[in-house]
Amino acid sequence: MTEREGTLENIRSQKEFVINVVSSELGNQMQKTAENSTRHVNEFEEAQLTPILSDLVKPLCVKEAPIEMESLLENLKTRKNTRG
């Protein structure tokens, strides 16, 4: 399963998610949270980021992120890949 597929599967199954927007300085650390790993790996710990409780959803936010968007899945539309 690719990173993209894993993220999509989590969103489909949980129906809620957080989008953390970070500065370029945190880019490498945030990339670590998207790497394929077992469910038993603490992504925050691996990336040396600080988890904090979200206000509206169960998934955690990243304390170091200046912007966080807590989201509920209402509708999921798929489209045909036209890029080849």
PDB file of N, CA and C in Angstrom:
ATOM      1  N   MET A   1       0.843  -1.179   0.000  1.00  0.00           N
ATOM      2  CA  MET A   1       0.000   0.000   0.000  1.00  0.00           C
ATOM      3  C   MET A   1       0.886   1.239   0.000  1.00  0.00           C
ATOM      4  N   THR A   2       0.584   2.160  -0.862  1.00  0.00           N
ATOM      5  CA  THR A   2       1.361   3.393  -0.934  1.00  0.00           C
ATOM      6  C   THR A   2       0.940   4.348   0.184  1.00  0.00           C
ATOM      7  N   GLU A   3       1.754   5.385   0.396  1.00  0.00           N
ATOM      8  CA  GLU A   3       1.422   6.393   1.411  1.00  0.00           C
ATOM      9  C   GLU A   3       0.060   7.007   1.131  1.00  0.00           C
ATOM     10  N   ARG A   4      -0.169   7.332  -0.130  1.00  0.00           N
ATOM     11  CA  ARG A   4      -1.437   7.960  -0.523  1.00  0.00           C
ATOM     12  C   ARG A   4      -2.613   7.025  -0.238  1.00  0.00           C
ATOM     13  N   GLU A   5      -2.454   5.729  -0.562  1.00  0.00           N
ATOM     14  CA  GLU A   5      -3.517   4.766  -0.313  1.00  0.00           C
ATOM     15  C   GLU A   5      -3.778   4.599   1.175  1.00  0.00           C
ATOM     16  N   GLY A   6      -2.718   4.590   1.980  1.00  0.00           N
ATOM     17  CA  GLY A   6      -2.872   4.455   3.427  1.00  0.00           C
ATOM     18  C   GLY A   6      -3.609   5.631   4.027  1.00  0.00           C
ATOM     19  N   THR A   7      -3.277   6.821   3.586  1.00  0.00           N
ATOM     20  CA  THR A   7      -3.960   8.025   4.070  1.00  0.00           C
ATOM     21  C   THR A   7      -5.429   7.996   3.683  1.00  0.00           C
ATOM     22  N   LEU A   8      -5.710   7.657   2.447  1.00  0.00           N
ATOM     23  CA  LEU A   8      -7.089   7.600   1.981  1.00  0.00           C
ATOM     24  C   LEU A   8      -7.875   6.540   2.745  1.00  0.00           C
ATOM     25  N   GLU A   9      -7.278   5.393   2.983  1.00  0.00           N
ATOM     26  CA  GLU A   9      -7.957   4.328   3.724  1.00  0.00           C
ATOM     27  C   GLU A   9      -8.269   4.779   5.156  1.00  0.00           C
ATOM     28  N   ASN A  10      -7.342   5.487   5.782  1.00  0.00           N
ATOM     29  CA  ASN A  10      -7.591   6.014   7.128  1.00  0.00           C
ATOM     30  C   ASN A  10      -8.749   7.001   7.124  1.00  0.00           C
ATOM     31  N   ILE A  11      -8.785   7.883   6.142  1.00  0.00           N
ATOM     32  CA  ILE A  11      -9.868   8.866   6.058  1.00  0.00           C
ATOM     33  C   ILE A  11     -11.199   8.157   5.828  1.00  0.00           C
ATOM     34  N   ARG A  12     -11.217   7.181   4.936  1.00  0.00           N
ATOM     35  CA  ARG A  12     -12.454   6.432   4.668  1.00  0.00           C
ATOM     36  C   ARG A  12     -12.955   5.713   5.921  1.00  0.00           C
ATOM     37  N   SER A  13     -12.069   5.087   6.651  1.00  0.00           N
ATOM     38  CA  SER A  13     -12.494   4.283   7.802  1.00  0.00           C
ATOM     39  C   SER A  13     -12.825   5.132   9.025  1.00  0.00           C
ATOM     40  N   GLN A  14     -12.098   6.221   9.233  1.00  0.00           N
ATOM     41  CA  GLN A  14     -12.309   7.045  10.427  1.00  0.00           C
ATOM     42  C   GLN A  14     -13.335   8.151  10.221  1.00  0.00           C
ATOM     43  N   LYS A  15     -13.520   8.578   8.983  1.00  0.00           N
ATOM     44  CA  LYS A  15     -14.463   9.644   8.636  1.00  0.00           C
ATOM     45  C   LYS A  15     -14.069  11.008   9.193  1.00  0.00           C
ATOM     46  N   GLU A  16     -12.859  11.131   9.721  1.00  0.00           N
ATOM     47  CA  GLU A  16     -12.363  12.422  10.190  1.00  0.00           C
ATOM     48  C   GLU A  16     -10.846  12.428  10.103  1.00  0.00           C
ATOM     49  N   PHE A  17     -10.282  13.639   9.960  1.00  0.00           N
ATOM     50  CA  PHE A  17      -8.842  13.759   9.772  1.00  0.00           C
ATOM     51  C   PHE A  17      -8.401  15.182  10.054  1.00  0.00           C
ATOM     52  N   VAL A  18      -7.098  15.367  10.179  1.00  0.00           N
ATOM     53  CA  VAL A  18      -6.530  16.686  10.406  1.00  0.00           C
ATOM     54  C   VAL A  18      -5.500  16.956   9.310  1.00  0.00           C
ATOM     55  N   ILE A  19      -5.568  18.124   8.738  1.00  0.00           N
ATOM     56  CA  ILE A  19      -4.544  18.580   7.799  1.00  0.00           C
ATOM     57  C   ILE A  19      -3.695  19.591   8.552  1.00  0.00           C
ATOM     58  N   ASN A  20      -2.436  19.244   8.772  1.00  0.00           N
ATOM     59  CA  ASN A  20      -1.498  20.139   9.446  1.00  0.00           C
ATOM     60  C   ASN A  20      -0.646  20.819   8.395  1.00  0.00           C
ATOM     61  N   VAL A  21      -0.667  22.135   8.372  1.00  0.00           N
ATOM     62  CA  VAL A  21       0.125  22.903   7.413  1.00  0.00           C
ATOM     63  C   VAL A  21       1.347  23.423   8.152  1.00  0.00           C
ATOM     64  N   VAL A  22       2.527  23.059   7.640  1.00  0.00           N
ATOM     65  CA  VAL A  22       3.766  23.424   8.326  1.00  0.00           C
ATOM     66  C   VAL A  22       4.677  24.245   7.414  1.00  0.00           C
ATOM     67  N   SER A  23       5.650  24.872   8.027  1.00  0.00           N
ATOM     68  CA  SER A  23       6.651  25.626   7.276  1.00  0.00           C
ATOM     69  C   SER A  23       7.623  24.654   6.612  1.00  0.00           C
ATOM     70  N   SER A  24       8.391  25.141   5.676  1.00  0.00           N
ATOM     71  CA  SER A  24       9.356  24.290   4.973  1.00  0.00           C
ATOM     72  C   SER A  24      10.391  23.710   5.931  1.00  0.00           C
ATOM     73  N   GLU A  25      10.656  24.408   7.020  1.00  0.00           N
ATOM     74  CA  GLU A  25      11.634  23.897   7.997  1.00  0.00           C
ATOM     75  C   GLU A  25      11.188  22.578   8.621  1.00  0.00           C
ATOM     76  N   LEU A  26       9.881  22.341   8.679  1.00  0.00           N
ATOM     77  CA  LEU A  26       9.359  21.096   9.257  1.00  0.00           C
ATOM     78  C   LEU A  26       9.011  20.061   8.196  1.00  0.00           C
ATOM     79  N   GLY A  27       9.289  20.374   6.943  1.00  0.00           N
ATOM     80  CA  GLY A  27       8.914  19.481   5.847  1.00  0.00           C
ATOM     81  C   GLY A  27       9.444  18.074   5.979  1.00  0.00           C
ATOM     82  N   ASN A  28      10.714  17.907   6.295  1.00  0.00           N
ATOM     83  CA  ASN A  28      11.293  16.568   6.415  1.00  0.00           C
ATOM     84  C   ASN A  28      10.683  15.801   7.569  1.00  0.00           C
ATOM     85  N   GLN A  29      10.434  16.481   8.677  1.00  0.00           N
ATOM     86  CA  GLN A  29       9.820  15.813   9.808  1.00  0.00           C
ATOM     87  C   GLN A  29       8.394  15.373   9.477  1.00  0.00           C
ATOM     88  N   MET A  30       7.636  16.233   8.826  1.00  0.00           N
ATOM     89  CA  MET A  30       6.269  15.878   8.457  1.00  0.00           C
ATOM     90  C   MET A  30       6.250  14.731   7.450  1.00  0.00           C
ATOM     91  N   GLN A  31       7.220  14.679   6.567  1.00  0.00           N
ATOM     92  CA  GLN A  31       7.291  13.576   5.609  1.00  0.00           C
ATOM     93  C   GLN A  31       7.394  12.246   6.334  1.00  0.00           C
ATOM     94  N   LYS A  32       8.103  12.224   7.446  1.00  0.00           N
ATOM     95  CA  LYS A  32       8.244  10.982   8.221  1.00  0.00           C
ATOM     96  C   LYS A  32       6.901  10.467   8.708  1.00  0.00           C
ATOM     97  N   THR A  33       5.946  11.356   8.959  1.00  0.00           N
ATOM     98  CA  THR A  33       4.639  10.903   9.428  1.00  0.00           C
ATOM     99  C   THR A  33       3.841  10.234   8.314  1.00  0.00           C
ATOM    100  N   ALA A  34       4.251  10.433   7.068  1.00  0.00           N
ATOM    101  CA  ALA A  34       3.541   9.849   5.935  1.00  0.00           C
ATOM    102  C   ALA A  34       4.184   8.554   5.439  1.00  0.00           C
ATOM    103  N   GLU A  35       5.321   8.195   5.999  1.00  0.00           N
ATOM    104  CA  GLU A  35       6.014   6.990   5.552  1.00  0.00           C
ATOM    105  C   GLU A  35       5.238   5.752   5.966  1.00  0.00           C
ATOM    106  N   ASN A  36       5.340   4.726   5.140  1.00  0.00           N
ATOM    107  CA  ASN A  36       4.695   3.461   5.470  1.00  0.00           C
ATOM    108  C   ASN A  36       5.349   2.865   6.700  1.00  0.00           C
ATOM    109  N   SER A  37       4.552   2.604   7.699  1.00  0.00           N
ATOM    110  CA  SER A  37       5.054   1.974   8.906  1.00  0.00           C
ATOM    111  C   SER A  37       3.934   1.147   9.509  1.00  0.00           C
ATOM    112  N   THR A  38       4.293   0.298  10.442  1.00  0.00           N
ATOM    113  CA  THR A  38       3.274  -0.526  11.083  1.00  0.00           C
ATOM    114  C   THR A  38       2.410   0.339  11.989  1.00  0.00           C
ATOM    115  N   ARG A  39       1.272  -0.171  12.342  1.00  0.00           N
ATOM    116  CA  ARG A  39       0.358   0.568  13.213  1.00  0.00           C
ATOM    117  C   ARG A  39       0.939   0.775  14.602  1.00  0.00           C
ATOM    118  N   HIS A  40       1.946   0.007  14.954  1.00  0.00           N
ATOM    119  CA  HIS A  40       2.524   0.085  16.294  1.00  0.00           C
ATOM    120  C   HIS A  40       3.615   1.149  16.406  1.00  0.00           C
ATOM    121  N   VAL A  41       3.904   1.833  15.316  1.00  0.00           N
ATOM    122  CA  VAL A  41       4.934   2.872  15.329  1.00  0.00           C
ATOM    123  C   VAL A  41       4.272   4.213  15.645  1.00  0.00           C
ATOM    124  N   ASN A  42       4.830   4.936  16.587  1.00  0.00           N
ATOM    125  CA  ASN A  42       4.331   6.262  16.931  1.00  0.00           C
ATOM    126  C   ASN A  42       4.942   7.258  15.942  1.00  0.00           C
ATOM    127  N   GLU A  43       4.144   7.717  14.992  1.00  0.00           N
ATOM    128  CA  GLU A  43       4.642   8.612  13.942  1.00  0.00           C
ATOM    129  C   GLU A  43       5.136   9.934  14.514  1.00  0.00           C
ATOM    130  N   PHE A  44       4.477  10.440  15.522  1.00  0.00           N
ATOM    131  CA  PHE A  44       4.909  11.695  16.141  1.00  0.00           C
ATOM    132  C   PHE A  44       6.294  11.526  16.753  1.00  0.00           C
ATOM    133  N   GLU A  45       6.483  10.432  17.448  1.00  0.00           N
ATOM    134  CA  GLU A  45       7.772  10.165  18.086  1.00  0.00           C
ATOM    135  C   GLU A  45       8.866   9.991  17.042  1.00  0.00           C
ATOM    136  N   GLU A  46       8.577   9.227  16.003  1.00  0.00           N
ATOM    137  CA  GLU A  46       9.548   9.003  14.933  1.00  0.00           C
ATOM    138  C   GLU A  46       9.959  10.315  14.263  1.00  0.00           C
ATOM    139  N   ALA A  47       9.015  11.227  14.109  1.00  0.00           N
ATOM    140  CA  ALA A  47       9.274  12.498  13.436  1.00  0.00           C
ATOM    141  C   ALA A  47       9.717  13.594  14.405  1.00  0.00           C
ATOM    142  N   GLN A  48       9.756  13.283  15.677  1.00  0.00           N
ATOM    143  CA  GLN A  48      10.124  14.257  16.718  1.00  0.00           C
ATOM    144  C   GLN A  48       9.209  15.485  16.671  1.00  0.00           C
ATOM    145  N   LEU A  49       7.904  15.201  16.585  1.00  0.00           N
ATOM    146  CA  LEU A  49       6.875  16.236  16.611  1.00  0.00           C
ATOM    147  C   LEU A  49       5.993  16.010  17.834  1.00  0.00           C
ATOM    148  N   THR A  50       5.277  17.050  18.236  1.00  0.00           N
ATOM    149  CA  THR A  50       4.473  16.996  19.449  1.00  0.00           C
ATOM    150  C   THR A  50       2.993  16.851  19.114  1.00  0.00           C
ATOM    151  N   PRO A  51       2.369  15.745  19.541  1.00  0.00           N
ATOM    152  CA  PRO A  51       0.934  15.593  19.310  1.00  0.00           C
ATOM    153  C   PRO A  51       0.134  16.387  20.341  1.00  0.00           C
ATOM    154  N   ILE A  52      -0.950  17.005  19.893  1.00  0.00           N
ATOM    155  CA  ILE A  52      -1.875  17.674  20.810  1.00  0.00           C
ATOM    156  C   ILE A  52      -3.302  17.280  20.427  1.00  0.00           C
ATOM    157  N   LEU A  53      -4.187  17.338  21.398  1.00  0.00           N
ATOM    158  CA  LEU A  53      -5.580  16.991  21.137  1.00  0.00           C
ATOM    159  C   LEU A  53      -6.216  17.983  20.174  1.00  0.00           C
ATOM    160  N   SER A  54      -7.046  17.465  19.314  1.00  0.00           N
ATOM    161  CA  SER A  54      -7.829  18.313  18.415  1.00  0.00           C
ATOM    162  C   SER A  54      -9.048  18.816  19.174  1.00  0.00           C
ATOM    163  N   ASP A  55      -9.668  19.871  18.687  1.00  0.00           N
ATOM    164  CA  ASP A  55     -10.866  20.413  19.327  1.00  0.00           C
ATOM    165  C   ASP A  55     -12.132  19.672  18.912  1.00  0.00           C
ATOM    166  N   LEU A  56     -12.177  19.201  17.661  1.00  0.00           N
ATOM    167  CA  LEU A  56     -13.422  18.661  17.119  1.00  0.00           C
ATOM    168  C   LEU A  56     -13.369  17.208  16.665  1.00  0.00           C
ATOM    169  N   VAL A  57     -12.186  16.683  16.379  1.00  0.00           N
ATOM    170  CA  VAL A  57     -12.058  15.329  15.840  1.00  0.00           C
ATOM    171  C   VAL A  57     -11.103  14.500  16.690  1.00  0.00           C
ATOM    172  N   LYS A  58     -11.123  13.192  16.486  1.00  0.00           N
ATOM    173  CA  LYS A  58     -10.251  12.293  17.256  1.00  0.00           C
ATOM    174  C   LYS A  58      -8.786  12.334  16.836  1.00  0.00           C
ATOM    175  N   PRO A  59      -8.470  12.415  15.529  1.00  0.00           N
ATOM    176  CA  PRO A  59      -7.052  12.456  15.150  1.00  0.00           C
ATOM    177  C   PRO A  59      -6.348  13.648  15.807  1.00  0.00           C
ATOM    178  N   LEU A  60      -5.101  13.453  16.132  1.00  0.00           N
ATOM    179  CA  LEU A  60      -4.321  14.474  16.811  1.00  0.00           C
ATOM    180  C   LEU A  60      -3.781  15.530  15.838  1.00  0.00           C
ATOM    181  N   CYS A  61      -3.516  16.710  16.380  1.00  0.00           N
ATOM    182  CA  CYS A  61      -2.871  17.780  15.633  1.00  0.00           C
ATOM    183  C   CYS A  61      -1.379  17.791  15.953  1.00  0.00           C
ATOM    184  N   VAL A  62      -0.611  18.498  15.140  1.00  0.00           N
ATOM    185  CA  VAL A  62       0.818  18.680  15.370  1.00  0.00           C
ATOM    186  C   VAL A  62       1.004  20.050  16.012  1.00  0.00           C
ATOM    187  N   LYS A  63       1.541  20.063  17.223  1.00  0.00           N
ATOM    188  CA  LYS A  63       1.700  21.313  17.969  1.00  0.00           C
ATOM    189  C   LYS A  63       2.539  22.330  17.198  1.00  0.00           C
ATOM    190  N   GLU A  64       3.563  21.873  16.495  1.00  0.00           N
ATOM    191  CA  GLU A  64       4.472  22.765  15.779  1.00  0.00           C
ATOM    192  C   GLU A  64       3.864  23.371  14.519  1.00  0.00           C
ATOM    193  N   ALA A  65       2.720  22.870  14.083  1.00  0.00           N
ATOM    194  CA  ALA A  65       2.073  23.375  12.863  1.00  0.00           C
ATOM    195  C   ALA A  65       1.348  24.678  13.154  1.00  0.00           C
ATOM    196  N   PRO A  66       1.634  25.741  12.405  1.00  0.00           N
ATOM    197  CA  PRO A  66       0.935  27.004  12.636  1.00  0.00           C
ATOM    198  C   PRO A  66      -0.530  26.976  12.179  1.00  0.00           C
ATOM    199  N   ILE A  67      -0.850  26.032  11.288  1.00  0.00           N
ATOM    200  CA  ILE A  67      -2.222  25.907  10.785  1.00  0.00           C
ATOM    201  C   ILE A  67      -2.634  24.447  10.859  1.00  0.00           C
ATOM    202  N   GLU A  68      -3.814  24.211  11.408  1.00  0.00           N
ATOM    203  CA  GLU A  68      -4.374  22.863  11.429  1.00  0.00           C
ATOM    204  C   GLU A  68      -5.841  22.952  11.029  1.00  0.00           C
ATOM    205  N   MET A  69      -6.252  22.043  10.180  1.00  0.00           N
ATOM    206  CA  MET A  69      -7.634  22.010   9.723  1.00  0.00           C
ATOM    207  C   MET A  69      -8.250  20.686  10.150  1.00  0.00           C
ATOM    208  N   GLU A  70      -9.146  20.742  11.103  1.00  0.00           N
ATOM    209  CA  GLU A  70      -9.842  19.558  11.573  1.00  0.00           C
ATOM    210  C   GLU A  70     -11.025  19.311  10.647  1.00  0.00           C
ATOM    211  N   SER A  71     -11.125  18.094  10.121  1.00  0.00           N
ATOM    212  CA  SER A  71     -12.081  17.844   9.042  1.00  0.00           C
ATOM    213  C   SER A  71     -12.904  16.588   9.286  1.00  0.00           C
ATOM    214  N   LEU A  72     -14.153  16.653   8.867  1.00  0.00           N
ATOM    215  CA  LEU A  72     -15.053  15.503   8.874  1.00  0.00           C
ATOM    216  C   LEU A  72     -15.356  15.132   7.432  1.00  0.00           C
ATOM    217  N   LEU A  73     -15.262  13.855   7.108  1.00  0.00           N
ATOM    218  CA  LEU A  73     -15.559  13.393   5.756  1.00  0.00           C
ATOM    219  C   LEU A  73     -17.066  13.390   5.551  1.00  0.00           C
ATOM    220  N   GLU A  74     -17.504  14.170   4.609  1.00  0.00           N
ATOM    221  CA  GLU A  74     -18.920  14.229   4.288  1.00  0.00           C
ATOM    222  C   GLU A  74     -19.216  13.437   3.026  1.00  0.00           C
ATOM    223  N   ASN A  75     -18.342  13.581   2.041  1.00  0.00           N
ATOM    224  CA  ASN A  75     -18.542  12.932   0.757  1.00  0.00           C
ATOM    225  C   ASN A  75     -17.178  12.695   0.133  1.00  0.00           C
ATOM    226  N   LEU A  76     -16.995  11.564  -0.482  1.00  0.00           N
ATOM    227  CA  LEU A  76     -15.734  11.249  -1.140  1.00  0.00           C
ATOM    228  C   LEU A  76     -16.017  10.913  -2.595  1.00  0.00           C
ATOM    229  N   LYS A  77     -15.454  11.702  -3.473  1.00  0.00           N
ATOM    230  CA  LYS A  77     -15.628  11.470  -4.902  1.00  0.00           C
ATOM    231  C   LYS A  77     -14.297  11.020  -5.476  1.00  0.00           C
ATOM    232  N   THR A  78     -14.343  10.020  -6.316  1.00  0.00           N
ATOM    233  CA  THR A  78     -13.123   9.582  -6.998  1.00  0.00           C
ATOM    234  C   THR A  78     -13.238   9.997  -8.459  1.00  0.00           C
ATOM    235  N   ARG A  79     -12.084  10.227  -9.027  1.00  0.00           N
ATOM    236  CA  ARG A  79     -12.077  10.605 -10.429  1.00  0.00           C
ATOM    237  C   ARG A  79     -11.083   9.737 -11.169  1.00  0.00           C
ATOM    238  N   LYS A  80     -11.298   9.620 -12.436  1.00  0.00           N
ATOM    239  CA  LYS A  80     -10.432   8.831 -13.273  1.00  0.00           C
ATOM    240  C   LYS A  80      -9.097   9.563 -13.446  1.00  0.00           C
ATOM    241  N   ASN A  81      -8.008   8.855 -13.340  1.00  0.00           N
ATOM    242  CA  ASN A  81      -6.677   9.441 -13.516  1.00  0.00           C
ATOM    243  C   ASN A  81      -6.471   9.705 -15.006  1.00  0.00           C
ATOM    244  N   THR A  82      -6.367  10.966 -15.358  1.00  0.00           N
ATOM    245  CA  THR A  82      -6.198  11.334 -16.767  1.00  0.00           C
ATOM    246  C   THR A  82      -4.763  11.732 -17.084  1.00  0.00           C
ATOM    247  N   ARG A  83      -3.885  11.592 -16.096  1.00  0.00           N
ATOM    248  CA  ARG A  83      -2.483  11.991 -16.294  1.00  0.00           C
ATOM    249  C   ARG A  83      -1.630  10.885 -16.897  1.00  0.00           C
ATOM    250  N   GLY A  84      -2.186   9.732 -17.071  1.00  0.00           N
ATOM    251  CA  GLY A  84      -1.418   8.677 -17.712  1.00  0.00           C
ATOM    252  C   GLY A  84      -1.138   7.607 -16.832  1.00  0.00           C
TER     253      GLY A  84
END
